[in-house]
Amino acid sequence: MKTAVGPDTVDVAMVVEAMLGEHDFQSMAEFIELLRQRTGTERSDADLKALILKKAAVLGVVVE
């Protein structure tokens, strides 16, 4: 069962996981910008940063 957290129609968390495996990003701002382009999410930068850091920790990916 999926729970709606916001107006997103794309699973942003899944996209974050995929992106973490694809690229070496220069900055968190760059990551968030590309994530917005791919998903169209309107979540706040703070919310997206927390999601990215959580997924990175779970996957063992270093994000600066």
PDB file of N, CA and C in Angstrom:
ATOM      1  N   MET A   1       0.837  -1.181   0.000  1.00  0.00           N
ATOM      2  CA  MET A   1       0.000   0.000   0.000  1.00  0.00           C
ATOM      3  C   MET A   1       0.880   1.242   0.000  1.00  0.00           C
ATOM      4  N   LYS A   2       0.586   2.174  -0.871  1.00  0.00           N
ATOM      5  CA  LYS A   2       1.314   3.432  -0.928  1.00  0.00           C
ATOM      6  C   LYS A   2       0.550   4.498  -0.160  1.00  0.00           C
ATOM      7  N   THR A   3       1.278   5.268   0.599  1.00  0.00           N
ATOM      8  CA  THR A   3       0.678   6.379   1.321  1.00  0.00           C
ATOM      9  C   THR A   3       1.069   7.665   0.622  1.00  0.00           C
ATOM     10  N   ALA A   4       0.108   8.498   0.372  1.00  0.00           N
ATOM     11  CA  ALA A   4       0.391   9.771  -0.284  1.00  0.00           C
ATOM     12  C   ALA A   4       0.962  10.743   0.739  1.00  0.00           C
ATOM     13  N   VAL A   5       2.170  11.237   0.460  1.00  0.00           N
ATOM     14  CA  VAL A   5       2.819  12.181   1.354  1.00  0.00           C
ATOM     15  C   VAL A   5       2.628  13.595   0.848  1.00  0.00           C
ATOM     16  N   GLY A   6       2.433  13.721  -0.411  1.00  0.00           N
ATOM     17  CA  GLY A   6       2.271  15.041  -1.005  1.00  0.00           C
ATOM     18  C   GLY A   6       1.707  14.897  -2.401  1.00  0.00           C
ATOM     19  N   PRO A   7       1.829  15.946  -3.178  1.00  0.00           N
ATOM     20  CA  PRO A   7       1.253  15.936  -4.518  1.00  0.00           C
ATOM     21  C   PRO A   7       2.092  15.184  -5.551  1.00  0.00           C
ATOM     22  N   ASP A   8       3.219  14.602  -5.133  1.00  0.00           N
ATOM     23  CA  ASP A   8       4.088  13.914  -6.080  1.00  0.00           C
ATOM     24  C   ASP A   8       3.395  12.707  -6.693  1.00  0.00           C
ATOM     25  N   THR A   9       3.534  12.562  -8.007  1.00  0.00           N
ATOM     26  CA  THR A   9       2.985  11.393  -8.685  1.00  0.00           C
ATOM     27  C   THR A   9       4.080  10.382  -8.982  1.00  0.00           C
ATOM     28  N   VAL A  10       5.330  10.779  -8.737  1.00  0.00           N
ATOM     29  CA  VAL A  10       6.488   9.930  -8.950  1.00  0.00           C
ATOM     30  C   VAL A  10       7.040   9.545  -7.583  1.00  0.00           C
ATOM     31  N   ASP A  11       7.543   8.332  -7.452  1.00  0.00           N
ATOM     32  CA  ASP A  11       8.158   7.909  -6.195  1.00  0.00           C
ATOM     33  C   ASP A  11       9.528   8.565  -6.097  1.00  0.00           C
ATOM     34  N   VAL A  12       9.580   9.701  -5.428  1.00  0.00           N
ATOM     35  CA  VAL A  12      10.798  10.497  -5.334  1.00  0.00           C
ATOM     36  C   VAL A  12      11.916   9.707  -4.661  1.00  0.00           C
ATOM     37  N   ALA A  13      11.591   8.926  -3.647  1.00  0.00           N
ATOM     38  CA  ALA A  13      12.601   8.137  -2.939  1.00  0.00           C
ATOM     39  C   ALA A  13      13.283   7.145  -3.878  1.00  0.00           C
ATOM     40  N   MET A  14      12.533   6.526  -4.750  1.00  0.00           N
ATOM     41  CA  MET A  14      13.121   5.588  -5.708  1.00  0.00           C
ATOM     42  C   MET A  14      14.040   6.315  -6.690  1.00  0.00           C
ATOM     43  N   VAL A  15      13.646   7.499  -7.108  1.00  0.00           N
ATOM     44  CA  VAL A  15      14.475   8.282  -8.021  1.00  0.00           C
ATOM     45  C   VAL A  15      15.768   8.689  -7.321  1.00  0.00           C
ATOM     46  N   VAL A  16      15.684   9.063  -6.040  1.00  0.00           N
ATOM     47  CA  VAL A  16      16.879   9.419  -5.278  1.00  0.00           C
ATOM     48  C   VAL A  16      17.841   8.234  -5.232  1.00  0.00           C
ATOM     49  N   GLU A  17      17.319   7.044  -4.940  1.00  0.00           N
ATOM     50  CA  GLU A  17      18.157   5.844  -4.892  1.00  0.00           C
ATOM     51  C   GLU A  17      18.873   5.618  -6.226  1.00  0.00           C
ATOM     52  N   ALA A  18      18.135   5.760  -7.309  1.00  0.00           N
ATOM     53  CA  ALA A  18      18.726   5.562  -8.631  1.00  0.00           C
ATOM     54  C   ALA A  18      19.799   6.612  -8.915  1.00  0.00           C
ATOM     55  N   MET A  19      19.513   7.854  -8.574  1.00  0.00           N
ATOM     56  CA  MET A  19      20.467   8.932  -8.824  1.00  0.00           C
ATOM     57  C   MET A  19      21.731   8.774  -7.999  1.00  0.00           C
ATOM     58  N   LEU A  20      21.611   8.284  -6.784  1.00  0.00           N
ATOM     59  CA  LEU A  20      22.791   8.091  -5.945  1.00  0.00           C
ATOM     60  C   LEU A  20      23.756   7.095  -6.573  1.00  0.00           C
ATOM     61  N   GLY A  21      23.223   6.147  -7.306  1.00  0.00           N
ATOM     62  CA  GLY A  21      24.067   5.161  -7.964  1.00  0.00           C
ATOM     63  C   GLY A  21      24.608   5.601  -9.310  1.00  0.00           C
ATOM     64  N   GLU A  22      24.057   6.672  -9.871  1.00  0.00           N
ATOM     65  CA  GLU A  22      24.403   7.104 -11.224  1.00  0.00           C
ATOM     66  C   GLU A  22      25.518   8.127 -11.305  1.00  0.00           C
ATOM     67  N   HIS A  23      25.546   9.078 -10.404  1.00  0.00           N
ATOM     68  CA  HIS A  23      26.386  10.256 -10.580  1.00  0.00           C
ATOM     69  C   HIS A  23      27.216  10.574  -9.344  1.00  0.00           C
ATOM     70  N   ASP A  24      28.290  11.319  -9.600  1.00  0.00           N
ATOM     71  CA  ASP A  24      29.023  11.992  -8.539  1.00  0.00           C
ATOM     72  C   ASP A  24      28.625  13.450  -8.635  1.00  0.00           C
ATOM     73  N   PHE A  25      27.890  13.921  -7.658  1.00  0.00           N
ATOM     74  CA  PHE A  25      27.387  15.284  -7.707  1.00  0.00           C
ATOM     75  C   PHE A  25      28.352  16.232  -7.020  1.00  0.00           C
ATOM     76  N   GLN A  26      28.465  17.432  -7.560  1.00  0.00           N
ATOM     77  CA  GLN A  26      29.366  18.441  -7.012  1.00  0.00           C
ATOM     78  C   GLN A  26      28.795  19.081  -5.754  1.00  0.00           C
ATOM     79  N   SER A  27      27.471  19.124  -5.660  1.00  0.00           N
ATOM     80  CA  SER A  27      26.853  19.781  -4.507  1.00  0.00           C
ATOM     81  C   SER A  27      25.446  19.229  -4.284  1.00  0.00           C
ATOM     82  N   MET A  28      24.946  19.473  -3.091  1.00  0.00           N
ATOM     83  CA  MET A  28      23.580  19.075  -2.766  1.00  0.00           C
ATOM     84  C   MET A  28      22.599  19.868  -3.625  1.00  0.00           C
ATOM     85  N   ALA A  29      22.911  21.139  -3.867  1.00  0.00           N
ATOM     86  CA  ALA A  29      22.034  21.976  -4.699  1.00  0.00           C
ATOM     87  C   ALA A  29      21.903  21.401  -6.106  1.00  0.00           C
ATOM     88  N   GLU A  30      23.014  20.912  -6.657  1.00  0.00           N
ATOM     89  CA  GLU A  30      22.988  20.299  -7.986  1.00  0.00           C
ATOM     90  C   GLU A  30      22.110  19.043  -7.974  1.00  0.00           C
ATOM     91  N   PHE A  31      22.263  18.231  -6.936  1.00  0.00           N
ATOM     92  CA  PHE A  31      21.474  17.010  -6.814  1.00  0.00           C
ATOM     93  C   PHE A  31      19.985  17.346  -6.743  1.00  0.00           C
ATOM     94  N   ILE A  32      19.642  18.312  -5.902  1.00  0.00           N
ATOM     95  CA  ILE A  32      18.235  18.693  -5.730  1.00  0.00           C
ATOM     96  C   ILE A  32      17.668  19.257  -7.026  1.00  0.00           C
ATOM     97  N   GLU A  33      18.430  20.066  -7.725  1.00  0.00           N
ATOM     98  CA  GLU A  33      17.963  20.637  -8.996  1.00  0.00           C
ATOM     99  C   GLU A  33      17.661  19.541 -10.019  1.00  0.00           C
ATOM    100  N   LEU A  34      18.573  18.582 -10.143  1.00  0.00           N
ATOM    101  CA  LEU A  34      18.359  17.482 -11.080  1.00  0.00           C
ATOM    102  C   LEU A  34      17.175  16.613 -10.643  1.00  0.00           C
ATOM    103  N   LEU A  35      17.041  16.415  -9.347  1.00  0.00           N
ATOM    104  CA  LEU A  35      15.904  15.646  -8.822  1.00  0.00           C
ATOM    105  C   LEU A  35      14.588  16.339  -9.163  1.00  0.00           C
ATOM    106  N   ARG A  36      14.535  17.641  -9.005  1.00  0.00           N
ATOM    107  CA  ARG A  36      13.320  18.398  -9.369  1.00  0.00           C
ATOM    108  C   ARG A  36      13.022  18.266 -10.863  1.00  0.00           C
ATOM    109  N   GLN A  37      14.058  18.326 -11.695  1.00  0.00           N
ATOM    110  CA  GLN A  37      13.856  18.191 -13.142  1.00  0.00           C
ATOM    111  C   GLN A  37      13.294  16.819 -13.482  1.00  0.00           C
ATOM    112  N   ARG A  38      13.802  15.791 -12.832  1.00  0.00           N
ATOM    113  CA  ARG A  38      13.369  14.428 -13.145  1.00  0.00           C
ATOM    114  C   ARG A  38      11.993  14.086 -12.608  1.00  0.00           C
ATOM    115  N   THR A  39      11.642  14.654 -11.453  1.00  0.00           N
ATOM    116  CA  THR A  39      10.401  14.232 -10.803  1.00  0.00           C
ATOM    117  C   THR A  39       9.298  15.278 -10.818  1.00  0.00           C
ATOM    118  N   GLY A  40       9.658  16.538 -10.951  1.00  0.00           N
ATOM    119  CA  GLY A  40       8.660  17.601 -10.880  1.00  0.00           C
ATOM    120  C   GLY A  40       8.181  17.861  -9.463  1.00  0.00           C
ATOM    121  N   THR A  41       8.902  17.340  -8.466  1.00  0.00           N
ATOM    122  CA  THR A  41       8.468  17.504  -7.088  1.00  0.00           C
ATOM    123  C   THR A  41       8.515  18.961  -6.645  1.00  0.00           C
ATOM    124  N   GLU A  42       7.616  19.301  -5.755  1.00  0.00           N
ATOM    125  CA  GLU A  42       7.574  20.647  -5.188  1.00  0.00           C
ATOM    126  C   GLU A  42       7.939  20.620  -3.711  1.00  0.00           C
ATOM    127  N   ARG A  43       8.514  19.523  -3.248  1.00  0.00           N
ATOM    128  CA  ARG A  43       8.937  19.430  -1.852  1.00  0.00           C
ATOM    129  C   ARG A  43      10.011  20.481  -1.574  1.00  0.00           C
ATOM    130  N   SER A  44      10.116  20.876  -0.322  1.00  0.00           N
ATOM    131  CA  SER A  44      11.108  21.889   0.054  1.00  0.00           C
ATOM    132  C   SER A  44      12.520  21.337  -0.085  1.00  0.00           C
ATOM    133  N   ASP A  45      13.479  22.245  -0.205  1.00  0.00           N
ATOM    134  CA  ASP A  45      14.883  21.838  -0.277  1.00  0.00           C
ATOM    135  C   ASP A  45      15.271  21.053   0.974  1.00  0.00           C
ATOM    136  N   ALA A  46      14.811  21.507   2.130  1.00  0.00           N
ATOM    137  CA  ALA A  46      15.146  20.837   3.389  1.00  0.00           C
ATOM    138  C   ALA A  46      14.607  19.408   3.413  1.00  0.00           C
ATOM    139  N   ASP A  47      13.392  19.216   2.942  1.00  0.00           N
ATOM    140  CA  ASP A  47      12.786  17.883   2.902  1.00  0.00           C
ATOM    141  C   ASP A  47      13.557  16.973   1.944  1.00  0.00           C
ATOM    142  N   LEU A  48      13.909  17.498   0.787  1.00  0.00           N
ATOM    143  CA  LEU A  48      14.654  16.710  -0.196  1.00  0.00           C
ATOM    144  C   LEU A  48      16.051  16.385   0.316  1.00  0.00           C
ATOM    145  N   LYS A  49      16.701  17.348   0.957  1.00  0.00           N
ATOM    146  CA  LYS A  49      18.034  17.104   1.507  1.00  0.00           C
ATOM    147  C   LYS A  49      17.984  15.990   2.542  1.00  0.00           C
ATOM    148  N   ALA A  50      16.984  16.024   3.424  1.00  0.00           N
ATOM    149  CA  ALA A  50      16.848  14.978   4.440  1.00  0.00           C
ATOM    150  C   ALA A  50      16.626  13.617   3.792  1.00  0.00           C
ATOM    151  N   LEU A  51      15.796  13.563   2.768  1.00  0.00           N
ATOM    152  CA  LEU A  51      15.540  12.309   2.062  1.00  0.00           C
ATOM    153  C   LEU A  51      16.815  11.786   1.400  1.00  0.00           C
ATOM    154  N   ILE A  52      17.548  12.670   0.755  1.00  0.00           N
ATOM    155  CA  ILE A  52      18.787  12.282   0.077  1.00  0.00           C
ATOM    156  C   ILE A  52      19.795  11.745   1.077  1.00  0.00           C
ATOM    157  N   LEU A  53      19.980  12.447   2.190  1.00  0.00           N
ATOM    158  CA  LEU A  53      20.945  12.014   3.195  1.00  0.00           C
ATOM    159  C   LEU A  53      20.546  10.683   3.827  1.00  0.00           C
ATOM    160  N   LYS A  54      19.247  10.495   4.053  1.00  0.00           N
ATOM    161  CA  LYS A  54      18.769   9.232   4.626  1.00  0.00           C
ATOM    162  C   LYS A  54      19.033   8.075   3.661  1.00  0.00           C
ATOM    163  N   LYS A  55      18.683   8.256   2.405  1.00  0.00           N
ATOM    164  CA  LYS A  55      18.901   7.197   1.408  1.00  0.00           C
ATOM    165  C   LYS A  55      20.386   6.916   1.219  1.00  0.00           C
ATOM    166  N   ALA A  56      21.201   7.980   1.236  1.00  0.00           N
ATOM    167  CA  ALA A  56      22.647   7.801   1.076  1.00  0.00           C
ATOM    168  C   ALA A  56      23.213   6.991   2.242  1.00  0.00           C
ATOM    169  N   ALA A  57      22.747   7.273   3.442  1.00  0.00           N
ATOM    170  CA  ALA A  57      23.225   6.544   4.615  1.00  0.00           C
ATOM    171  C   ALA A  57      22.844   5.068   4.534  1.00  0.00           C
ATOM    172  N   VAL A  58      21.633   4.796   4.132  1.00  0.00           N
ATOM    173  CA  VAL A  58      21.152   3.419   4.020  1.00  0.00           C
ATOM    174  C   VAL A  58      21.960   2.655   2.962  1.00  0.00           C
ATOM    175  N   LEU A  59      22.283   3.335   1.869  1.00  0.00           N
ATOM    176  CA  LEU A  59      23.011   2.703   0.764  1.00  0.00           C
ATOM    177  C   LEU A  59      24.530   2.757   0.956  1.00  0.00           C
ATOM    178  N   GLY A  60      25.005   3.457   1.961  1.00  0.00           N
ATOM    179  CA  GLY A  60      26.427   3.571   2.191  1.00  0.00           C
ATOM    180  C   GLY A  60      27.140   4.464   1.198  1.00  0.00           C
ATOM    181  N   VAL A  61      26.434   5.463   0.688  1.00  0.00           N
ATOM    182  CA  VAL A  61      26.996   6.402  -0.280  1.00  0.00           C
ATOM    183  C   VAL A  61      27.367   7.685   0.446  1.00  0.00           C
ATOM    184  N   VAL A  62      28.563   8.183   0.185  1.00  0.00           N
ATOM    185  CA  VAL A  62      29.004   9.438   0.811  1.00  0.00           C
ATOM    186  C   VAL A  62      28.481  10.610   0.000  1.00  0.00           C
ATOM    187  N   VAL A  63      27.775  11.510   0.681  1.00  0.00           N
ATOM    188  CA  VAL A  63      27.241  12.720   0.046  1.00  0.00           C
ATOM    189  C   VAL A  63      27.769  13.903   0.839  1.00  0.00           C
ATOM    190  N   GLU A  64      28.360  14.857   0.131  1.00  0.00           N
ATOM    191  CA  GLU A  64      28.910  16.036   0.817  1.00  0.00           C
ATOM    192  C   GLU A  64      28.039  17.234   0.611  1.00  0.00           C
TER     193      GLU A  64
END
